[in-house]
């Protein structure tokens, strides 16, 4: 007489015959000999171990409560039955001790800020230990980390101080940038003002140079015009001019005249008249003295 057992798709049956392992059966129908064969079913699906909050002490002696979940799956039904009495409880206890070991090597700030790294370390260490039980740890996820009340209060004060410090740093950085911008603006204004003064001086100097050139050109043109007019003046005109000059001299209060003789030679007829006056009144014609009126 045989005993027939049904093994489901997600199960495996570990068969012992007279206490000795004879094989793993399933899924499907499994025939067992009563009183001789004994089978143990193993669930091969991925299992979730929901662990309650575990208290752990960090490297800086801060007490934190950590709530986490372990995802595992049996990959070797024979090892899960033969090598460990209760693989589920073994994985739970190993996860708890490993978690406390990992948390004890880091500070409370690292525990709160490096959750993903802690998950990866836990999974790696658990997988290295559970492989001999035929169990594969797929993932470890920390759901909640709760520090003690005094640690929470201290962290709140630290966070407030850090935010205040960053606000002061940001404000001082803004003041420094504003001062730099103001100094840069003043520098640019001074440069522009100096460039404007230089350009103004250059323009004034250029204007003065152009004015001097125009004045010199005008003076030269005037001299040239005088030379051209003087070249067209005849001897009669010059004589009349000299007579006009003598007339003005005679109207003056002076009693002694000095007349250059070369001017008399240029005057033509006026020169002859002056020469006659020189013979009648003052030989040599160097100077003529007029008697004062009575």
C-alpha atoms as a PDB file:
ATOM      1  CA  UNK A   1       0.000   0.000   0.000  1.00  0.00           C
ATOM      2  CA  UNK A   2       1.329   3.411  -0.937  1.00  0.00           C
ATOM      3  CA  UNK A   3       0.498   6.912   0.228  1.00  0.00           C
ATOM      4  CA  UNK A   4      -0.018   9.518  -2.503  1.00  0.00           C
ATOM      5  CA  UNK A   5       0.660  13.209  -1.791  1.00  0.00           C
ATOM      6  CA  UNK A   6       0.135  16.233  -4.054  1.00  0.00           C
ATOM      7  CA  UNK A   7       2.958  18.814  -4.186  1.00  0.00           C
ATOM      8  CA  UNK A   8       1.923  22.218  -5.516  1.00  0.00           C
ATOM      9  CA  UNK A   9       3.793  24.152  -8.191  1.00  0.00           C
ATOM     10  CA  UNK A  10       5.486  26.491  -5.689  1.00  0.00           C
ATOM     11  CA  UNK A  11       6.409  23.651  -3.302  1.00  0.00           C
ATOM     12  CA  UNK A  12       9.023  20.951  -3.106  1.00  0.00           C
ATOM     13  CA  UNK A  13       8.876  17.748  -1.025  1.00  0.00           C
ATOM     14  CA  UNK A  14      12.049  16.608   0.731  1.00  0.00           C
ATOM     15  CA  UNK A  15      11.756  12.823   1.113  1.00  0.00           C
ATOM     16  CA  UNK A  16      13.378  10.805   3.919  1.00  0.00           C
ATOM     17  CA  UNK A  17      13.279   7.033   3.879  1.00  0.00           C
ATOM     18  CA  UNK A  18      13.964   5.454   7.239  1.00  0.00           C
ATOM     19  CA  UNK A  19      15.521   8.789   8.232  1.00  0.00           C
ATOM     20  CA  UNK A  20      17.834   9.050   5.227  1.00  0.00           C
ATOM     21  CA  UNK A  21      17.423  11.699   2.577  1.00  0.00           C
ATOM     22  CA  UNK A  22      16.488  10.041  -0.705  1.00  0.00           C
ATOM     23  CA  UNK A  23      15.563  13.041  -2.868  1.00  0.00           C
ATOM     24  CA  UNK A  24      13.409  16.073  -3.513  1.00  0.00           C
ATOM     25  CA  UNK A  25      10.088  15.567  -5.291  1.00  0.00           C
ATOM     26  CA  UNK A  26       7.529  17.813  -6.907  1.00  0.00           C
ATOM     27  CA  UNK A  27       5.583  19.480  -8.166  1.00  0.00           C
ATOM     28  CA  UNK A  28       2.814  16.946  -8.846  1.00  0.00           C
ATOM     29  CA  UNK A  29       1.991  13.522  -7.368  1.00  0.00           C
ATOM     30  CA  UNK A  30       4.449  12.065  -4.894  1.00  0.00           C
ATOM     31  CA  UNK A  31       4.118   8.416  -3.828  1.00  0.00           C
ATOM     32  CA  UNK A  32       5.302   7.609  -0.310  1.00  0.00           C
ATOM     33  CA  UNK A  33       5.553   4.295   1.487  1.00  0.00           C
ATOM     34  CA  UNK A  34       3.692   4.503   4.773  1.00  0.00           C
ATOM     35  CA  UNK A  35       5.782   4.213   7.950  1.00  0.00           C
ATOM     36  CA  UNK A  36       8.955   4.139   5.855  1.00  0.00           C
ATOM     37  CA  UNK A  37       8.940   7.386   3.880  1.00  0.00           C
ATOM     38  CA  UNK A  38       8.378  10.801   5.363  1.00  0.00           C
ATOM     39  CA  UNK A  39       8.130  13.953   3.323  1.00  0.00           C
ATOM     40  CA  UNK A  40       8.535  17.595   4.322  1.00  0.00           C
ATOM     41  CA  UNK A  41       7.141  20.319   2.081  1.00  0.00           C
ATOM     42  CA  UNK A  42       9.122  23.508   1.510  1.00  0.00           C
ATOM     43  CA  UNK A  43       7.563  26.709   0.181  1.00  0.00           C
ATOM     44  CA  UNK A  44       9.816  28.008  -2.648  1.00  0.00           C
ATOM     45  CA  UNK A  45       8.057  31.361  -3.015  1.00  0.00           C
ATOM     46  CA  UNK A  46       9.629  34.629  -1.916  1.00  0.00           C
ATOM     47  CA  UNK A  47       8.774  35.327   1.687  1.00  0.00           C
ATOM     48  CA  UNK A  48       8.530  38.599   3.611  1.00  0.00           C
ATOM     49  CA  UNK A  49       9.808  38.762   7.168  1.00  0.00           C
ATOM     50  CA  UNK A  50       8.255  41.801   8.805  1.00  0.00           C
ATOM     51  CA  UNK A  51      10.420  42.526  11.816  1.00  0.00           C
ATOM     52  CA  UNK A  52       9.277  44.803  14.645  1.00  0.00           C
ATOM     53  CA  UNK A  53      11.382  47.789  15.704  1.00  0.00           C
ATOM     54  CA  UNK A  54      14.774  46.746  17.039  1.00  0.00           C
ATOM     55  CA  UNK A  55      16.775  48.913  19.442  1.00  0.00           C
ATOM     56  CA  UNK A  56      20.372  49.532  18.416  1.00  0.00           C
ATOM     57  CA  UNK A  57      23.205  51.666  19.780  1.00  0.00           C
ATOM     58  CA  UNK A  58      25.203  53.766  17.325  1.00  0.00           C
ATOM     59  CA  UNK A  59      28.932  54.443  17.431  1.00  0.00           C
ATOM     60  CA  UNK A  60      28.344  57.702  19.335  1.00  0.00           C
ATOM     61  CA  UNK A  61      26.200  55.898  21.975  1.00  0.00           C
ATOM     62  CA  UNK A  62      22.838  57.054  20.652  1.00  0.00           C
ATOM     63  CA  UNK A  63      19.900  54.658  21.014  1.00  0.00           C
ATOM     64  CA  UNK A  64      17.714  54.290  17.917  1.00  0.00           C
ATOM     65  CA  UNK A  65      14.771  52.030  17.076  1.00  0.00           C
ATOM     66  CA  UNK A  66      14.833  50.574  13.558  1.00  0.00           C
ATOM     67  CA  UNK A  67      11.900  48.891  11.843  1.00  0.00           C
ATOM     68  CA  UNK A  68      12.864  46.834   8.766  1.00  0.00           C
ATOM     69  CA  UNK A  69      11.656  44.130   6.329  1.00  0.00           C
ATOM     70  CA  UNK A  70      13.597  41.159   4.903  1.00  0.00           C
ATOM     71  CA  UNK A  71      12.712  39.612   1.523  1.00  0.00           C
ATOM     72  CA  UNK A  72      14.035  36.074   1.083  1.00  0.00           C
ATOM     73  CA  UNK A  73      13.458  32.940  -0.963  1.00  0.00           C
ATOM     74  CA  UNK A  74      14.417  29.260  -0.553  1.00  0.00           C
ATOM     75  CA  UNK A  75      16.568  28.170  -3.486  1.00  0.00           C
ATOM     76  CA  UNK A  76      17.695  24.781  -2.104  1.00  0.00           C
ATOM     77  CA  UNK A  77      14.944  22.820  -0.368  1.00  0.00           C
ATOM     78  CA  UNK A  78      17.324  20.069   0.791  1.00  0.00           C
ATOM     79  CA  UNK A  79      19.663  22.552   2.578  1.00  0.00           C
ATOM     80  CA  UNK A  80      16.720  24.453   4.065  1.00  0.00           C
ATOM     81  CA  UNK A  81      15.481  21.249   5.752  1.00  0.00           C
ATOM     82  CA  UNK A  82      18.721  19.417   6.542  1.00  0.00           C
ATOM     83  CA  UNK A  83      21.171  22.239   7.430  1.00  0.00           C
ATOM     84  CA  UNK A  84      18.963  24.335   9.730  1.00  0.00           C
ATOM     85  CA  UNK A  85      16.115  23.528  12.074  1.00  0.00           C
ATOM     86  CA  UNK A  86      13.952  26.540  11.232  1.00  0.00           C
ATOM     87  CA  UNK A  87      15.369  28.634   8.413  1.00  0.00           C
ATOM     88  CA  UNK A  88      12.789  31.415   8.828  1.00  0.00           C
ATOM     89  CA  UNK A  89      13.608  31.984  12.502  1.00  0.00           C
ATOM     90  CA  UNK A  90      17.310  31.667  11.756  1.00  0.00           C
ATOM     91  CA  UNK A  91      17.124  34.405   9.123  1.00  0.00           C
ATOM     92  CA  UNK A  92      15.185  36.665  11.513  1.00  0.00           C
ATOM     93  CA  UNK A  93      17.715  36.328  14.307  1.00  0.00           C
ATOM     94  CA  UNK A  94      20.654  36.737  11.920  1.00  0.00           C
ATOM     95  CA  UNK A  95      19.085  39.883  10.464  1.00  0.00           C
ATOM     96  CA  UNK A  96      18.622  41.397  13.933  1.00  0.00           C
ATOM     97  CA  UNK A  97      22.197  40.741  15.074  1.00  0.00           C
ATOM     98  CA  UNK A  98      23.646  41.906  11.752  1.00  0.00           C
ATOM     99  CA  UNK A  99      21.604  45.110  11.909  1.00  0.00           C
ATOM    100  CA  UNK A 100      22.894  45.910  15.407  1.00  0.00           C
ATOM    101  CA  UNK A 101      26.442  45.211  14.284  1.00  0.00           C
ATOM    102  CA  UNK A 102      26.150  47.528  11.276  1.00  0.00           C
ATOM    103  CA  UNK A 103      24.472  50.314  13.282  1.00  0.00           C
ATOM    104  CA  UNK A 104      27.169  50.087  15.970  1.00  0.00           C
ATOM    105  CA  UNK A 105      29.853  51.007  13.437  1.00  0.00           C
ATOM    106  CA  UNK A 106      28.306  54.321  12.343  1.00  0.00           C
ATOM    107  CA  UNK A 107      27.043  57.509  13.982  1.00  0.00           C
ATOM    108  CA  UNK A 108      23.426  58.528  14.404  1.00  0.00           C
ATOM    109  CA  UNK A 109      23.776  61.160  11.649  1.00  0.00           C
ATOM    110  CA  UNK A 110      24.987  58.454   9.273  1.00  0.00           C
ATOM    111  CA  UNK A 111      22.140  56.155  10.294  1.00  0.00           C
ATOM    112  CA  UNK A 112      19.627  58.838   9.342  1.00  0.00           C
ATOM    113  CA  UNK A 113      21.340  59.917   6.130  1.00  0.00           C
ATOM    114  CA  UNK A 114      22.704  56.622   4.759  1.00  0.00           C
ATOM    115  CA  UNK A 115      19.660  54.382   4.810  1.00  0.00           C
ATOM    116  CA  UNK A 116      20.256  52.973   1.320  1.00  0.00           C
ATOM    117  CA  UNK A 117      23.866  52.083   2.126  1.00  0.00           C
ATOM    118  CA  UNK A 118      22.747  50.308   5.320  1.00  0.00           C
ATOM    119  CA  UNK A 119      20.221  48.262   3.317  1.00  0.00           C
ATOM    120  CA  UNK A 120      22.900  47.140   0.881  1.00  0.00           C
ATOM    121  CA  UNK A 121      25.328  46.179   3.666  1.00  0.00           C
ATOM    122  CA  UNK A 122      22.658  44.175   5.477  1.00  0.00           C
ATOM    123  CA  UNK A 123      21.665  42.308   2.317  1.00  0.00           C
ATOM    124  CA  UNK A 124      25.291  41.483   1.489  1.00  0.00           C
ATOM    125  CA  UNK A 125      26.081  40.166   4.961  1.00  0.00           C
ATOM    126  CA  UNK A 126      22.867  38.170   5.272  1.00  0.00           C
ATOM    127  CA  UNK A 127      23.301  36.549   1.843  1.00  0.00           C
ATOM    128  CA  UNK A 128      26.836  35.470   2.742  1.00  0.00           C
ATOM    129  CA  UNK A 129      25.521  33.651   5.843  1.00  0.00           C
ATOM    130  CA  UNK A 130      22.213  32.217   4.606  1.00  0.00           C
ATOM    131  CA  UNK A 131      23.637  30.534   1.502  1.00  0.00           C
ATOM    132  CA  UNK A 132      24.509  27.455   3.582  1.00  0.00           C
ATOM    133  CA  UNK A 133      20.849  27.175   4.566  1.00  0.00           C
ATOM    134  CA  UNK A 134      19.703  27.207   0.944  1.00  0.00           C
ATOM    135  CA  UNK A 135      18.124  30.630   1.448  1.00  0.00           C
ATOM    136  CA  UNK A 136      18.744  33.693  -0.719  1.00  0.00           C
ATOM    137  CA  UNK A 137      18.115  37.151   0.803  1.00  0.00           C
ATOM    138  CA  UNK A 138      16.704  39.258  -2.024  1.00  0.00           C
ATOM    139  CA  UNK A 139      16.530  42.615  -0.224  1.00  0.00           C
ATOM    140  CA  UNK A 140      16.505  44.350   3.149  1.00  0.00           C
ATOM    141  CA  UNK A 141      14.528  47.553   3.521  1.00  0.00           C
ATOM    142  CA  UNK A 142      14.555  49.855   6.565  1.00  0.00           C
ATOM    143  CA  UNK A 143      11.115  51.359   6.979  1.00  0.00           C
ATOM    144  CA  UNK A 144      11.558  53.698   9.935  1.00  0.00           C
ATOM    145  CA  UNK A 145      14.361  54.989  12.153  1.00  0.00           C
ATOM    146  CA  UNK A 146      13.340  56.559  15.460  1.00  0.00           C
ATOM    147  CA  UNK A 147      16.008  58.114  17.717  1.00  0.00           C
ATOM    148  CA  UNK A 148      15.384  58.786  21.413  1.00  0.00           C
ATOM    149  CA  UNK A 149      13.578  61.964  22.412  1.00  0.00           C
ATOM    150  CA  UNK A 150      16.685  63.730  23.674  1.00  0.00           C
ATOM    151  CA  UNK A 151      18.512  62.788  20.455  1.00  0.00           C
ATOM    152  CA  UNK A 152      15.608  64.164  18.411  1.00  0.00           C
ATOM    153  CA  UNK A 153      15.655  67.426  20.387  1.00  0.00           C
ATOM    154  CA  UNK A 154      19.421  67.770  19.966  1.00  0.00           C
ATOM    155  CA  UNK A 155      19.158  67.066  16.246  1.00  0.00           C
ATOM    156  CA  UNK A 156      16.386  69.654  15.944  1.00  0.00           C
ATOM    157  CA  UNK A 157      18.594  72.265  17.624  1.00  0.00           C
ATOM    158  CA  UNK A 158      21.497  71.234  15.415  1.00  0.00           C
ATOM    159  CA  UNK A 159      19.341  71.520  12.311  1.00  0.00           C
ATOM    160  CA  UNK A 160      18.136  74.970  13.379  1.00  0.00           C
ATOM    161  CA  UNK A 161      21.699  76.119  14.039  1.00  0.00           C
ATOM    162  CA  UNK A 162      22.838  74.729  10.706  1.00  0.00           C
ATOM    163  CA  UNK A 163      20.062  76.528   8.858  1.00  0.00           C
ATOM    164  CA  UNK A 164      20.860  79.757  10.723  1.00  0.00           C
ATOM    165  CA  UNK A 165      24.530  79.370   9.790  1.00  0.00           C
ATOM    166  CA  UNK A 166      23.692  78.787   6.141  1.00  0.00           C
ATOM    167  CA  UNK A 167      21.369  81.800   6.173  1.00  0.00           C
ATOM    168  CA  UNK A 168      24.128  83.990   7.630  1.00  0.00           C
ATOM    169  CA  UNK A 169      26.622  82.643   5.111  1.00  0.00           C
ATOM    170  CA  UNK A 170      24.199  83.308   2.269  1.00  0.00           C
ATOM    171  CA  UNK A 171      23.501  86.820   3.560  1.00  0.00           C
ATOM    172  CA  UNK A 172      27.199  87.620   3.958  1.00  0.00           C
ATOM    173  CA  UNK A 173      27.887  86.235   0.514  1.00  0.00           C
ATOM    174  CA  UNK A 174      25.172  88.486  -0.849  1.00  0.00           C
ATOM    175  CA  UNK A 175      26.669  91.508   0.950  1.00  0.00           C
ATOM    176  CA  UNK A 176      30.129  90.648  -0.370  1.00  0.00           C
ATOM    177  CA  UNK A 177      28.835  90.300  -3.916  1.00  0.00           C
ATOM    178  CA  UNK A 178      26.930  93.564  -3.595  1.00  0.00           C
ATOM    179  CA  UNK A 179      30.081  95.346  -2.346  1.00  0.00           C
ATOM    180  CA  UNK A 180      32.050  93.865  -5.226  1.00  0.00           C
ATOM    181  CA  UNK A 181      29.403  95.022  -7.688  1.00  0.00           C
ATOM    182  CA  UNK A 182      29.371  98.520  -6.195  1.00  0.00           C
ATOM    183  CA  UNK A 183      33.177  98.729  -6.302  1.00  0.00           C
ATOM    184  CA  UNK A 184      33.174  97.436  -9.863  1.00  0.00           C
ATOM    185  CA  UNK A 185      30.558 100.016 -10.819  1.00  0.00           C
ATOM    186  CA  UNK A 186      32.560 102.828  -9.193  1.00  0.00           C
ATOM    187  CA  UNK A 187      35.675 101.606 -10.980  1.00  0.00           C
ATOM    188  CA  UNK A 188      33.914 101.545 -14.331  1.00  0.00           C
ATOM    189  CA  UNK A 189      32.445 105.000 -13.663  1.00  0.00           C
ATOM    190  CA  UNK A 190      35.896 106.388 -12.808  1.00  0.00           C
ATOM    191  CA  UNK A 191      37.358 104.819 -15.939  1.00  0.00           C
ATOM    192  CA  UNK A 192      34.578 106.260 -18.089  1.00  0.00           C
ATOM    193  CA  UNK A 193      34.960 109.670 -16.439  1.00  0.00           C
ATOM    194  CA  UNK A 194      38.737 109.627 -17.028  1.00  0.00           C
ATOM    195  CA  UNK A 195      38.231 108.558 -20.625  1.00  0.00           C
ATOM    196  CA  UNK A 196      35.659 111.332 -21.079  1.00  0.00           C
ATOM    197  CA  UNK A 197      38.048 113.942 -19.618  1.00  0.00           C
ATOM    198  CA  UNK A 198      40.844 112.683 -21.863  1.00  0.00           C
ATOM    199  CA  UNK A 199      38.634 112.797 -24.926  1.00  0.00           C
ATOM    200  CA  UNK A 200      37.494 116.284 -23.945  1.00  0.00           C
ATOM    201  CA  UNK A 201      41.087 117.488 -23.556  1.00  0.00           C
ATOM    202  CA  UNK A 202      42.006 115.935 -26.876  1.00  0.00           C
ATOM    203  CA  UNK A 203      39.079 117.650 -28.569  1.00  0.00           C
ATOM    204  CA  UNK A 204      39.926 121.009 -26.957  1.00  0.00           C
ATOM    205  CA  UNK A 205      43.581 120.647 -27.976  1.00  0.00           C
ATOM    206  CA  UNK A 206      42.527 119.683 -31.485  1.00  0.00           C
ATOM    207  CA  UNK A 207      40.224 122.688 -31.617  1.00  0.00           C
ATOM    208  CA  UNK A 208      42.987 125.009 -30.402  1.00  0.00           C
ATOM    209  CA  UNK A 209      45.372 123.518 -32.977  1.00  0.00           C
ATOM    210  CA  UNK A 210      42.855 123.971 -35.763  1.00  0.00           C
ATOM    211  CA  UNK A 211      42.182 127.559 -34.576  1.00  0.00           C
ATOM    212  CA  UNK A 212      45.929 128.326 -34.498  1.00  0.00           C
ATOM    213  CA  UNK A 213      46.316 126.874 -37.963  1.00  0.00           C
ATOM    214  CA  UNK A 214      43.407 128.933 -39.260  1.00  0.00           C
ATOM    215  CA  UNK A 215      44.756 132.103 -37.574  1.00  0.00           C
ATOM    216  CA  UNK A 216      48.195 131.516 -39.066  1.00  0.00           C
ATOM    217  CA  UNK A 217      46.684 130.870 -42.454  1.00  0.00           C
ATOM    218  CA  UNK A 218      44.568 134.033 -42.145  1.00  0.00           C
ATOM    219  CA  UNK A 219      47.606 136.087 -41.083  1.00  0.00           C
ATOM    220  CA  UNK A 220      49.620 134.673 -43.987  1.00  0.00           C
ATOM    221  CA  UNK A 221      46.797 135.439 -46.390  1.00  0.00           C
ATOM    222  CA  UNK A 222      46.598 138.988 -44.984  1.00  0.00           C
ATOM    223  CA  UNK A 223      50.332 139.515 -45.438  1.00  0.00           C
ATOM    224  CA  UNK A 224      50.131 138.095 -48.930  1.00  0.00           C
ATOM    225  CA  UNK A 225      47.240 140.439 -49.713  1.00  0.00           C
ATOM    226  CA  UNK A 226      49.172 143.428 -48.338  1.00  0.00           C
ATOM    227  CA  UNK A 227      52.194 142.424 -50.400  1.00  0.00           C
ATOM    228  CA  UNK A 228      50.045 142.159 -53.515  1.00  0.00           C
ATOM    229  CA  UNK A 229      48.451 145.582 -52.891  1.00  0.00           C
ATOM    230  CA  UNK A 230      51.815 147.179 -52.077  1.00  0.00           C
ATOM    231  CA  UNK A 231      53.245 145.825 -55.302  1.00  0.00           C
ATOM    232  CA  UNK A 232      50.587 147.738 -57.290  1.00  0.00           C
ATOM    233  CA  UNK A 233      51.165 151.118 -55.525  1.00  0.00           C
ATOM    234  CA  UNK A 234      53.028 153.672 -57.828  1.00  0.00           C
ATOM    235  CA  UNK A 235      55.414 156.480 -56.849  1.00  0.00           C
ATOM    236  CA  UNK A 236      52.729 159.188 -56.854  1.00  0.00           C
ATOM    237  CA  UNK A 237      50.621 157.280 -54.377  1.00  0.00           C
ATOM    238  CA  UNK A 238      53.640 156.829 -52.138  1.00  0.00           C
ATOM    239  CA  UNK A 239      54.429 160.531 -52.388  1.00  0.00           C
ATOM    240  CA  UNK A 240      50.925 161.471 -51.346  1.00  0.00           C
ATOM    241  CA  UNK A 241      51.211 159.114 -48.425  1.00  0.00           C
ATOM    242  CA  UNK A 242      54.482 160.722 -47.348  1.00  0.00           C
ATOM    243  CA  UNK A 243      52.961 164.213 -47.658  1.00  0.00           C
ATOM    244  CA  UNK A 244      50.054 163.081 -45.484  1.00  0.00           C
ATOM    245  CA  UNK A 245      52.550 161.784 -42.987  1.00  0.00           C
ATOM    246  CA  UNK A 246      54.471 165.088 -43.014  1.00  0.00           C
ATOM    247  CA  UNK A 247      51.227 166.935 -42.496  1.00  0.00           C
ATOM    248  CA  UNK A 248      50.437 164.890 -39.432  1.00  0.00           C
ATOM    249  CA  UNK A 249      53.984 165.483 -38.146  1.00  0.00           C
ATOM    250  CA  UNK A 250      53.606 169.197 -38.614  1.00  0.00           C
ATOM    251  CA  UNK A 251      50.428 169.198 -36.530  1.00  0.00           C
ATOM    252  CA  UNK A 252      52.275 167.631 -33.666  1.00  0.00           C
ATOM    253  CA  UNK A 253      53.977 169.399 -30.729  1.00  0.00           C
ATOM    254  CA  UNK A 254      57.446 168.084 -31.560  1.00  0.00           C
ATOM    255  CA  UNK A 255      60.106 170.621 -32.707  1.00  0.00           C
ATOM    256  CA  UNK A 256      62.538 168.125 -34.154  1.00  0.00           C
ATOM    257  CA  UNK A 257      61.928 165.544 -36.970  1.00  0.00           C
ATOM    258  CA  UNK A 258      64.143 162.657 -38.008  1.00  0.00           C
ATOM    259  CA  UNK A 259      63.476 161.572 -41.579  1.00  0.00           C
ATOM    260  CA  UNK A 260      65.342 158.586 -43.093  1.00  0.00           C
ATOM    261  CA  UNK A 261      66.942 159.601 -46.391  1.00  0.00           C
ATOM    262  CA  UNK A 262      66.257 156.263 -48.051  1.00  0.00           C
ATOM    263  CA  UNK A 263      62.537 157.004 -47.689  1.00  0.00           C
ATOM    264  CA  UNK A 264      63.075 160.268 -49.514  1.00  0.00           C
ATOM    265  CA  UNK A 265      64.736 158.427 -52.393  1.00  0.00           C
ATOM    266  CA  UNK A 266      61.808 156.098 -52.649  1.00  0.00           C
ATOM    267  CA  UNK A 267      59.293 158.947 -52.677  1.00  0.00           C
ATOM    268  CA  UNK A 268      60.545 160.363 -56.027  1.00  0.00           C
ATOM    269  CA  UNK A 269      59.410 163.999 -56.399  1.00  0.00           C
ATOM    270  CA  UNK A 270      58.911 164.237 -52.655  1.00  0.00           C
ATOM    271  CA  UNK A 271      62.533 163.246 -52.208  1.00  0.00           C
ATOM    272  CA  UNK A 272      63.677 166.165 -54.418  1.00  0.00           C
ATOM    273  CA  UNK A 273      61.572 168.601 -52.405  1.00  0.00           C
ATOM    274  CA  UNK A 274      63.049 167.322 -49.178  1.00  0.00           C
ATOM    275  CA  UNK A 275      66.555 167.588 -50.642  1.00  0.00           C
ATOM    276  CA  UNK A 276      65.887 171.294 -51.508  1.00  0.00           C
ATOM    277  CA  UNK A 277      64.712 171.965 -48.036  1.00  0.00           C
ATOM    278  CA  UNK A 278      67.893 170.402 -46.781  1.00  0.00           C
ATOM    279  CA  UNK A 279      70.075 172.741 -48.886  1.00  0.00           C
ATOM    280  CA  UNK A 280      68.182 175.906 -47.827  1.00  0.00           C
ATOM    281  CA  UNK A 281      67.676 175.228 -44.162  1.00  0.00           C
ATOM    282  CA  UNK A 282      70.102 172.562 -42.832  1.00  0.00           C
ATOM    283  CA  UNK A 283      73.092 171.414 -44.877  1.00  0.00           C
ATOM    284  CA  UNK A 284      73.469 167.642 -44.938  1.00  0.00           C
ATOM    285  CA  UNK A 285      69.730 167.092 -44.406  1.00  0.00           C
ATOM    286  CA  UNK A 286      70.222 164.978 -41.349  1.00  0.00           C
ATOM    287  CA  UNK A 287      67.573 166.793 -39.282  1.00  0.00           C
ATOM    288  CA  UNK A 288      65.338 169.926 -39.460  1.00  0.00           C
ATOM    289  CA  UNK A 289      64.533 172.032 -36.410  1.00  0.00           C
ATOM    290  CA  UNK A 290      61.362 174.116 -36.369  1.00  0.00           C
ATOM    291  CA  UNK A 291      61.208 177.404 -34.454  1.00  0.00           C
ATOM    292  CA  UNK A 292      58.460 177.569 -32.042  1.00  0.00           C
ATOM    293  CA  UNK A 293      55.549 179.752 -33.009  1.00  0.00           C
ATOM    294  CA  UNK A 294      55.546 183.317 -31.647  1.00  0.00           C
END
